[in-house]
Amino acid sequence: MNINIISVGKIKEKYFTAAIEEYSKRLSRFVKLKISEVADEKIPENASKKEIEIVKEKEGNKILGKLDENSFIITLCIEGKELSSEEIAKKITDISMSSSNITFIIGGSLGLSDTVKNKSRFRLSFGKITLPHQLMRVVLLEQIYRAFKINNNESYHK
């Protein structure tokens, strides 16, 4: 199975980089992992609603340029469906029956454009809180790793 993560913005802090590298290494037992970054757009100070939508569309176009149309696309959205770790594991198993590629998309600080969300086959939420994209990448990798541990009947701390 191939897992792709497309994320807006670069990882700046070393502690996030270290966590991402650790979970990537752990996941390598189970999947081929590819993480792609697209540059975030500068947000005008006191941006209007229209300017915010323009920024999201520009970031969205960069994301769309990285998408593999044959992949099962999952967007991380605050309005998405909340799943437990066990439900995420089952979702990955269910997807693997019809697709060997899953792409997770993490938006920038303003979220994802409607164009990107509409390409999604599933919208996933990790709750109503807002997390920085750098931390979200770590949380997502940890949950994917946990899902593969669950699916392989291996113990993992709770």
N, C-alpha and C. Protein backbone atom coordinates (compact mmCIF):
# COMPACT_ATOMS: atom_id res chain seq x y z
N MET A 1 0.84 -1.19 0.00
CA MET A 1 0.00 0.00 0.00
C MET A 1 0.88 1.24 0.00
N ASN A 2 0.41 2.27 -0.71
CA ASN A 2 1.08 3.57 -0.75
C ASN A 2 0.24 4.58 0.01
N ILE A 3 0.89 5.30 0.91
CA ILE A 3 0.25 6.40 1.62
C ILE A 3 0.97 7.67 1.20
N ASN A 4 0.19 8.63 0.70
CA ASN A 4 0.73 9.93 0.32
C ASN A 4 0.11 10.98 1.24
N ILE A 5 0.95 11.90 1.67
CA ILE A 5 0.45 13.03 2.45
C ILE A 5 0.88 14.28 1.71
N ILE A 6 -0.09 15.11 1.38
CA ILE A 6 0.19 16.40 0.77
C ILE A 6 -0.18 17.46 1.79
N SER A 7 0.77 18.33 2.10
CA SER A 7 0.55 19.31 3.14
C SER A 7 0.99 20.69 2.67
N VAL A 8 0.22 21.70 3.05
CA VAL A 8 0.58 23.08 2.75
C VAL A 8 1.56 23.56 3.82
N GLY A 9 2.69 24.10 3.39
CA GLY A 9 3.66 24.68 4.30
C GLY A 9 4.80 23.74 4.64
N LYS A 10 5.88 24.35 5.07
CA LYS A 10 7.09 23.61 5.43
C LYS A 10 7.14 23.36 6.94
N ILE A 11 7.86 22.32 7.29
CA ILE A 11 8.11 22.04 8.71
C ILE A 11 9.31 22.88 9.12
N LYS A 12 9.13 23.69 10.15
CA LYS A 12 10.20 24.61 10.56
C LYS A 12 10.90 24.16 11.84
N GLU A 13 10.16 23.57 12.76
CA GLU A 13 10.74 23.19 14.05
C GLU A 13 11.37 21.80 14.00
N LYS A 14 12.53 21.69 14.60
CA LYS A 14 13.27 20.41 14.59
C LYS A 14 12.51 19.31 15.31
N TYR A 15 11.78 19.65 16.37
CA TYR A 15 11.05 18.61 17.11
C TYR A 15 9.92 18.02 16.27
N PHE A 16 9.30 18.82 15.40
CA PHE A 16 8.30 18.25 14.49
C PHE A 16 8.97 17.38 13.44
N THR A 17 10.10 17.85 12.93
CA THR A 17 10.84 17.07 11.93
C THR A 17 11.25 15.72 12.51
N ALA A 18 11.73 15.72 13.75
CA ALA A 18 12.15 14.48 14.41
C ALA A 18 10.96 13.52 14.57
N ALA A 19 9.82 14.04 14.98
CA ALA A 19 8.63 13.19 15.16
C ALA A 19 8.17 12.63 13.81
N ILE A 20 8.17 13.46 12.79
CA ILE A 20 7.76 13.00 11.45
C ILE A 20 8.70 11.91 10.95
N GLU A 21 9.99 12.11 11.15
CA GLU A 21 10.96 11.08 10.73
C GLU A 21 10.76 9.78 11.50
N GLU A 22 10.47 9.87 12.79
CA GLU A 22 10.26 8.67 13.60
C GLU A 22 9.03 7.89 13.13
N TYR A 23 7.91 8.57 12.95
CA TYR A 23 6.71 7.87 12.49
C TYR A 23 6.85 7.38 11.06
N SER A 24 7.57 8.11 10.23
CA SER A 24 7.82 7.65 8.86
C SER A 24 8.62 6.35 8.88
N LYS A 25 9.62 6.30 9.75
CA LYS A 25 10.43 5.08 9.88
C LYS A 25 9.58 3.91 10.38
N ARG A 26 8.76 4.16 11.38
CA ARG A 26 7.90 3.10 11.91
C ARG A 26 6.92 2.61 10.85
N LEU A 27 6.37 3.53 10.07
CA LEU A 27 5.39 3.17 9.04
C LEU A 27 6.01 2.40 7.88
N SER A 28 7.31 2.53 7.68
CA SER A 28 7.97 1.89 6.54
C SER A 28 7.83 0.36 6.57
N ARG A 29 7.53 -0.22 7.73
CA ARG A 29 7.26 -1.66 7.83
C ARG A 29 5.98 -2.04 7.11
N PHE A 30 5.05 -1.09 7.03
CA PHE A 30 3.71 -1.39 6.55
C PHE A 30 3.38 -0.81 5.18
N VAL A 31 3.93 0.36 4.87
CA VAL A 31 3.52 1.08 3.66
C VAL A 31 4.72 1.78 3.02
N LYS A 32 4.50 2.17 1.77
CA LYS A 32 5.42 3.09 1.12
C LYS A 32 4.83 4.48 1.34
N LEU A 33 5.56 5.32 2.06
CA LEU A 33 5.08 6.64 2.46
C LEU A 33 5.76 7.72 1.64
N LYS A 34 4.96 8.65 1.16
CA LYS A 34 5.50 9.82 0.45
C LYS A 34 4.84 11.06 1.03
N ILE A 35 5.67 12.01 1.45
CA ILE A 35 5.16 13.27 1.98
C ILE A 35 5.57 14.38 1.02
N SER A 36 4.58 15.14 0.55
CA SER A 36 4.83 16.26 -0.36
C SER A 36 4.37 17.54 0.31
N GLU A 37 5.15 18.58 0.12
CA GLU A 37 4.78 19.89 0.63
C GLU A 37 4.52 20.83 -0.52
N VAL A 38 3.54 21.70 -0.36
CA VAL A 38 3.34 22.79 -1.29
C VAL A 38 3.50 24.09 -0.49
N ALA A 39 4.03 25.10 -1.15
CA ALA A 39 4.29 26.37 -0.46
C ALA A 39 2.98 27.03 -0.05
N ASP A 40 2.99 27.61 1.15
CA ASP A 40 1.81 28.36 1.55
C ASP A 40 1.88 29.76 0.94
N GLU A 41 0.72 30.33 0.74
CA GLU A 41 0.60 31.66 0.16
C GLU A 41 0.63 32.71 1.26
N LYS A 42 1.15 33.86 0.95
CA LYS A 42 1.15 34.97 1.90
C LYS A 42 -0.29 35.46 2.06
N ILE A 43 -0.70 35.62 3.31
CA ILE A 43 -2.05 36.08 3.61
C ILE A 43 -1.98 37.59 3.88
N PRO A 44 -2.72 38.37 3.10
CA PRO A 44 -2.71 39.82 3.34
C PRO A 44 -3.20 40.15 4.75
N GLU A 45 -2.59 41.18 5.36
CA GLU A 45 -3.04 41.60 6.68
C GLU A 45 -4.48 42.09 6.58
N ASN A 46 -5.29 41.75 7.55
CA ASN A 46 -6.72 42.11 7.54
C ASN A 46 -7.40 41.67 6.24
N ALA A 47 -7.11 40.45 5.84
CA ALA A 47 -7.63 39.93 4.56
C ALA A 47 -9.15 39.88 4.56
N SER A 48 -9.72 40.26 3.43
CA SER A 48 -11.16 40.16 3.25
C SER A 48 -11.53 38.71 2.99
N LYS A 49 -12.80 38.41 3.06
CA LYS A 49 -13.28 37.05 2.77
C LYS A 49 -12.86 36.63 1.36
N LYS A 50 -12.96 37.56 0.40
CA LYS A 50 -12.59 37.27 -0.98
C LYS A 50 -11.09 36.97 -1.09
N GLU A 51 -10.26 37.76 -0.38
CA GLU A 51 -8.80 37.53 -0.40
C GLU A 51 -8.45 36.18 0.22
N ILE A 52 -9.17 35.80 1.26
CA ILE A 52 -8.95 34.50 1.90
C ILE A 52 -9.27 33.38 0.91
N GLU A 53 -10.38 33.50 0.20
CA GLU A 53 -10.75 32.48 -0.79
C GLU A 53 -9.71 32.40 -1.91
N ILE A 54 -9.16 33.53 -2.32
CA ILE A 54 -8.11 33.54 -3.36
C ILE A 54 -6.88 32.80 -2.87
N VAL A 55 -6.47 33.04 -1.62
CA VAL A 55 -5.32 32.34 -1.05
C VAL A 55 -5.58 30.84 -1.02
N LYS A 56 -6.76 30.42 -0.57
CA LYS A 56 -7.10 28.99 -0.51
C LYS A 56 -7.11 28.37 -1.90
N GLU A 57 -7.61 29.09 -2.89
CA GLU A 57 -7.63 28.58 -4.27
C GLU A 57 -6.21 28.42 -4.81
N LYS A 58 -5.33 29.38 -4.55
CA LYS A 58 -3.94 29.29 -5.01
C LYS A 58 -3.25 28.07 -4.39
N GLU A 59 -3.43 27.90 -3.07
CA GLU A 59 -2.86 26.73 -2.40
C GLU A 59 -3.50 25.46 -2.95
N GLY A 60 -4.81 25.51 -3.16
CA GLY A 60 -5.54 24.37 -3.70
C GLY A 60 -5.03 23.94 -5.07
N ASN A 61 -4.73 24.90 -5.92
CA ASN A 61 -4.21 24.58 -7.25
C ASN A 61 -2.86 23.86 -7.16
N LYS A 62 -2.04 24.27 -6.19
CA LYS A 62 -0.75 23.59 -5.99
C LYS A 62 -0.97 22.14 -5.52
N ILE A 63 -1.95 21.97 -4.64
CA ILE A 63 -2.28 20.62 -4.15
C ILE A 63 -2.77 19.75 -5.32
N LEU A 64 -3.67 20.30 -6.11
CA LEU A 64 -4.23 19.54 -7.24
C LEU A 64 -3.13 19.09 -8.20
N GLY A 65 -2.08 19.89 -8.33
CA GLY A 65 -0.96 19.53 -9.19
C GLY A 65 -0.18 18.34 -8.69
N LYS A 66 -0.33 18.00 -7.42
CA LYS A 66 0.39 16.86 -6.82
C LYS A 66 -0.47 15.61 -6.71
N LEU A 67 -1.76 15.74 -7.00
CA LEU A 67 -2.69 14.61 -6.79
C LEU A 67 -2.55 13.53 -7.84
N ASP A 68 -2.61 12.30 -7.38
CA ASP A 68 -2.73 11.14 -8.26
C ASP A 68 -4.23 10.81 -8.30
N GLU A 69 -4.82 10.98 -9.46
CA GLU A 69 -6.27 10.80 -9.60
C GLU A 69 -6.73 9.38 -9.26
N ASN A 70 -5.81 8.41 -9.30
CA ASN A 70 -6.17 7.02 -8.98
C ASN A 70 -6.13 6.74 -7.48
N SER A 71 -5.72 7.71 -6.71
CA SER A 71 -5.61 7.54 -5.27
C SER A 71 -6.95 7.81 -4.60
N PHE A 72 -7.18 7.15 -3.48
CA PHE A 72 -8.35 7.45 -2.65
C PHE A 72 -7.98 8.68 -1.84
N ILE A 73 -8.68 9.79 -2.08
CA ILE A 73 -8.30 11.08 -1.50
C ILE A 73 -9.11 11.36 -0.24
N ILE A 74 -8.37 11.65 0.84
CA ILE A 74 -8.97 12.00 2.12
C ILE A 74 -8.49 13.39 2.50
N THR A 75 -9.42 14.31 2.70
CA THR A 75 -9.04 15.64 3.15
C THR A 75 -9.26 15.75 4.65
N LEU A 76 -8.36 16.45 5.31
CA LEU A 76 -8.52 16.72 6.73
C LEU A 76 -9.22 18.06 6.84
N CYS A 77 -10.45 18.04 7.35
CA CYS A 77 -11.30 19.22 7.42
C CYS A 77 -11.99 19.25 8.78
N ILE A 78 -12.12 20.42 9.34
CA ILE A 78 -12.80 20.54 10.63
C ILE A 78 -14.24 20.05 10.54
N GLU A 79 -14.85 20.17 9.34
CA GLU A 79 -16.24 19.72 9.17
C GLU A 79 -16.34 18.25 8.75
N GLY A 80 -15.19 17.57 8.72
CA GLY A 80 -15.19 16.16 8.34
C GLY A 80 -15.76 15.26 9.42
N LYS A 81 -15.71 13.98 9.16
CA LYS A 81 -16.23 12.97 10.10
C LYS A 81 -15.16 12.62 11.12
N GLU A 82 -15.53 12.63 12.37
CA GLU A 82 -14.62 12.22 13.44
C GLU A 82 -14.67 10.70 13.58
N LEU A 83 -13.50 10.08 13.61
CA LEU A 83 -13.41 8.63 13.76
C LEU A 83 -12.49 8.30 14.93
N SER A 84 -12.77 7.20 15.59
CA SER A 84 -11.85 6.69 16.61
C SER A 84 -10.65 6.06 15.89
N SER A 85 -9.61 5.75 16.64
CA SER A 85 -8.45 5.08 16.04
C SER A 85 -8.84 3.76 15.40
N GLU A 86 -9.72 3.02 16.06
CA GLU A 86 -10.18 1.74 15.51
C GLU A 86 -10.96 1.95 14.21
N GLU A 87 -11.75 3.01 14.17
CA GLU A 87 -12.51 3.31 12.95
C GLU A 87 -11.59 3.76 11.81
N ILE A 88 -10.54 4.48 12.14
CA ILE A 88 -9.56 4.85 11.11
C ILE A 88 -8.90 3.59 10.56
N ALA A 89 -8.55 2.67 11.44
CA ALA A 89 -7.94 1.41 11.01
C ALA A 89 -8.88 0.66 10.07
N LYS A 90 -10.16 0.59 10.43
CA LYS A 90 -11.14 -0.09 9.57
C LYS A 90 -11.29 0.64 8.25
N LYS A 91 -11.30 1.96 8.27
CA LYS A 91 -11.43 2.75 7.04
C LYS A 91 -10.27 2.44 6.10
N ILE A 92 -9.06 2.38 6.63
CA ILE A 92 -7.89 2.07 5.80
C ILE A 92 -8.02 0.66 5.22
N THR A 93 -8.47 -0.29 6.03
CA THR A 93 -8.67 -1.65 5.54
C THR A 93 -9.72 -1.67 4.42
N ASP A 94 -10.82 -0.99 4.64
CA ASP A 94 -11.89 -0.94 3.63
C ASP A 94 -11.39 -0.32 2.33
N ILE A 95 -10.65 0.77 2.44
CA ILE A 95 -10.12 1.44 1.24
C ILE A 95 -9.16 0.52 0.50
N SER A 96 -8.35 -0.23 1.26
CA SER A 96 -7.34 -1.09 0.64
C SER A 96 -7.96 -2.20 -0.21
N MET A 97 -9.24 -2.47 -0.02
CA MET A 97 -9.93 -3.48 -0.83
C MET A 97 -10.14 -3.00 -2.27
N SER A 98 -10.17 -1.69 -2.45
CA SER A 98 -10.43 -1.14 -3.80
C SER A 98 -9.31 -0.24 -4.31
N SER A 99 -8.38 0.16 -3.45
CA SER A 99 -7.32 1.06 -3.89
C SER A 99 -6.04 0.76 -3.10
N SER A 100 -4.92 0.79 -3.80
CA SER A 100 -3.64 0.57 -3.10
C SER A 100 -2.95 1.89 -2.79
N ASN A 101 -3.62 3.00 -3.10
CA ASN A 101 -3.09 4.34 -2.84
C ASN A 101 -4.09 5.17 -2.06
N ILE A 102 -3.63 5.73 -0.95
CA ILE A 102 -4.44 6.67 -0.18
C ILE A 102 -3.66 7.97 -0.08
N THR A 103 -4.32 9.09 -0.37
CA THR A 103 -3.71 10.40 -0.23
C THR A 103 -4.47 11.20 0.81
N PHE A 104 -3.74 11.65 1.83
CA PHE A 104 -4.28 12.53 2.85
C PHE A 104 -3.83 13.95 2.52
N ILE A 105 -4.75 14.91 2.64
CA ILE A 105 -4.42 16.30 2.33
C ILE A 105 -4.64 17.16 3.57
N ILE A 106 -3.58 17.90 3.93
CA ILE A 106 -3.63 18.83 5.06
C ILE A 106 -3.51 20.24 4.49
N GLY A 107 -4.48 21.09 4.78
CA GLY A 107 -4.48 22.45 4.28
C GLY A 107 -3.57 23.37 5.07
N GLY A 108 -3.51 24.60 4.63
CA GLY A 108 -2.74 25.63 5.31
C GLY A 108 -3.54 26.25 6.45
N SER A 109 -3.09 27.40 6.92
CA SER A 109 -3.71 28.02 8.09
C SER A 109 -5.15 28.47 7.84
N LEU A 110 -5.54 28.63 6.58
CA LEU A 110 -6.91 29.04 6.26
C LEU A 110 -7.80 27.85 5.90
N GLY A 111 -7.22 26.66 5.85
CA GLY A 111 -7.99 25.48 5.48
C GLY A 111 -7.83 25.17 4.00
N LEU A 112 -8.73 24.34 3.49
CA LEU A 112 -8.67 23.89 2.11
C LEU A 112 -9.72 24.57 1.25
N SER A 113 -9.40 24.72 -0.01
CA SER A 113 -10.37 25.28 -0.96
C SER A 113 -11.49 24.26 -1.19
N ASP A 114 -12.64 24.76 -1.59
CA ASP A 114 -13.75 23.87 -1.92
C ASP A 114 -13.39 22.95 -3.08
N THR A 115 -12.56 23.44 -4.00
CA THR A 115 -12.15 22.62 -5.14
C THR A 115 -11.43 21.36 -4.66
N VAL A 116 -10.52 21.52 -3.69
CA VAL A 116 -9.79 20.37 -3.15
C VAL A 116 -10.75 19.48 -2.36
N LYS A 117 -11.57 20.08 -1.52
CA LYS A 117 -12.52 19.28 -0.73
C LYS A 117 -13.43 18.46 -1.63
N ASN A 118 -13.82 19.02 -2.76
CA ASN A 118 -14.72 18.31 -3.67
C ASN A 118 -14.04 17.15 -4.39
N LYS A 119 -12.71 17.14 -4.45
CA LYS A 119 -11.96 16.02 -5.03
C LYS A 119 -11.89 14.85 -4.04
N SER A 120 -12.14 15.16 -2.80
CA SER A 120 -12.02 14.20 -1.71
C SER A 120 -13.12 13.15 -1.77
N ARG A 121 -12.74 11.92 -1.44
CA ARG A 121 -13.74 10.85 -1.32
C ARG A 121 -14.16 10.65 0.13
N PHE A 122 -13.39 11.27 1.04
CA PHE A 122 -13.74 11.20 2.46
C PHE A 122 -13.13 12.41 3.15
N ARG A 123 -13.92 13.02 4.02
CA ARG A 123 -13.44 14.15 4.81
C ARG A 123 -13.29 13.70 6.25
N LEU A 124 -12.08 13.82 6.77
CA LEU A 124 -11.74 13.34 8.10
C LEU A 124 -11.47 14.53 9.01
N SER A 125 -11.98 14.45 10.23
CA SER A 125 -11.73 15.49 11.22
C SER A 125 -11.11 14.88 12.46
N PHE A 126 -10.18 15.62 13.05
CA PHE A 126 -9.60 15.21 14.33
C PHE A 126 -10.19 16.08 15.44
N GLY A 127 -11.40 16.58 15.21
CA GLY A 127 -12.09 17.37 16.22
C GLY A 127 -12.27 18.80 15.78
N LYS A 128 -12.93 19.57 16.62
CA LYS A 128 -13.27 20.94 16.29
C LYS A 128 -12.13 21.92 16.58
N ILE A 129 -11.09 21.45 17.21
CA ILE A 129 -9.96 22.34 17.50
C ILE A 129 -9.16 22.60 16.22
N THR A 130 -8.47 23.71 16.20
CA THR A 130 -7.59 24.04 15.09
C THR A 130 -6.17 23.71 15.51
N LEU A 131 -5.48 22.95 14.67
CA LEU A 131 -4.08 22.60 14.94
C LEU A 131 -3.20 23.19 13.85
N PRO A 132 -1.98 23.61 14.19
CA PRO A 132 -1.06 24.06 13.15
C PRO A 132 -0.76 22.89 12.20
N HIS A 133 -0.58 23.18 10.92
CA HIS A 133 -0.37 22.12 9.93
C HIS A 133 0.83 21.25 10.29
N GLN A 134 1.85 21.84 10.93
CA GLN A 134 3.03 21.06 11.30
C GLN A 134 2.67 19.99 12.33
N LEU A 135 1.91 20.37 13.34
CA LEU A 135 1.49 19.42 14.36
C LEU A 135 0.48 18.42 13.78
N MET A 136 -0.38 18.90 12.89
CA MET A 136 -1.37 18.02 12.27
C MET A 136 -0.68 16.89 11.51
N ARG A 137 0.43 17.19 10.87
CA ARG A 137 1.16 16.15 10.14
C ARG A 137 1.65 15.07 11.10
N VAL A 138 2.13 15.46 12.27
CA VAL A 138 2.59 14.50 13.27
C VAL A 138 1.42 13.67 13.77
N VAL A 139 0.31 14.32 14.10
CA VAL A 139 -0.88 13.63 14.60
C VAL A 139 -1.39 12.63 13.55
N LEU A 140 -1.46 13.07 12.31
CA LEU A 140 -1.92 12.18 11.24
C LEU A 140 -1.02 10.96 11.09
N LEU A 141 0.29 11.17 11.07
CA LEU A 141 1.22 10.05 10.93
C LEU A 141 1.08 9.08 12.10
N GLU A 142 0.91 9.63 13.31
CA GLU A 142 0.76 8.76 14.47
C GLU A 142 -0.51 7.93 14.33
N GLN A 143 -1.60 8.52 13.87
CA GLN A 143 -2.85 7.79 13.74
C GLN A 143 -2.80 6.75 12.61
N ILE A 144 -2.10 7.06 11.54
CA ILE A 144 -1.92 6.07 10.47
C ILE A 144 -1.09 4.90 11.00
N TYR A 145 -0.02 5.21 11.73
CA TYR A 145 0.82 4.16 12.32
C TYR A 145 -0.02 3.31 13.29
N ARG A 146 -0.79 3.97 14.14
CA ARG A 146 -1.65 3.26 15.09
C ARG A 146 -2.64 2.35 14.33
N ALA A 147 -3.19 2.85 13.23
CA ALA A 147 -4.14 2.06 12.43
C ALA A 147 -3.49 0.78 11.91
N PHE A 148 -2.25 0.88 11.43
CA PHE A 148 -1.58 -0.32 10.93
C PHE A 148 -1.22 -1.27 12.05
N LYS A 149 -0.89 -0.76 13.22
CA LYS A 149 -0.66 -1.64 14.37
C LYS A 149 -1.95 -2.38 14.73
N ILE A 150 -3.06 -1.66 14.75
CA ILE A 150 -4.37 -2.28 15.06
C ILE A 150 -4.69 -3.33 14.00
N ASN A 151 -4.51 -2.98 12.73
CA ASN A 151 -4.87 -3.91 11.65
C ASN A 151 -3.98 -5.15 11.61
N ASN A 152 -2.80 -5.06 12.21
CA ASN A 152 -1.90 -6.20 12.25
C ASN A 152 -1.92 -6.90 13.61
N ASN A 153 -2.94 -6.58 14.41
CA ASN A 153 -3.10 -7.17 15.74
C ASN A 153 -1.84 -7.05 16.60
N GLU A 154 -1.18 -5.91 16.47
CA GLU A 154 0.01 -5.65 17.29
C GLU A 154 -0.36 -4.67 18.39
N SER A 155 0.26 -4.85 19.56
CA SER A 155 -0.08 -3.96 20.67
C SER A 155 0.54 -2.59 20.44
N TYR A 156 -0.13 -1.60 20.97
CA TYR A 156 0.33 -0.22 20.87
C TYR A 156 -0.25 0.49 22.09
N HIS A 157 0.54 1.36 22.69
CA HIS A 157 0.08 2.00 23.94
C HIS A 157 -1.20 2.79 23.71
N LYS A 158 -1.98 2.84 24.76
CA LYS A 158 -3.27 3.56 24.67
C LYS A 158 -3.18 4.85 25.41
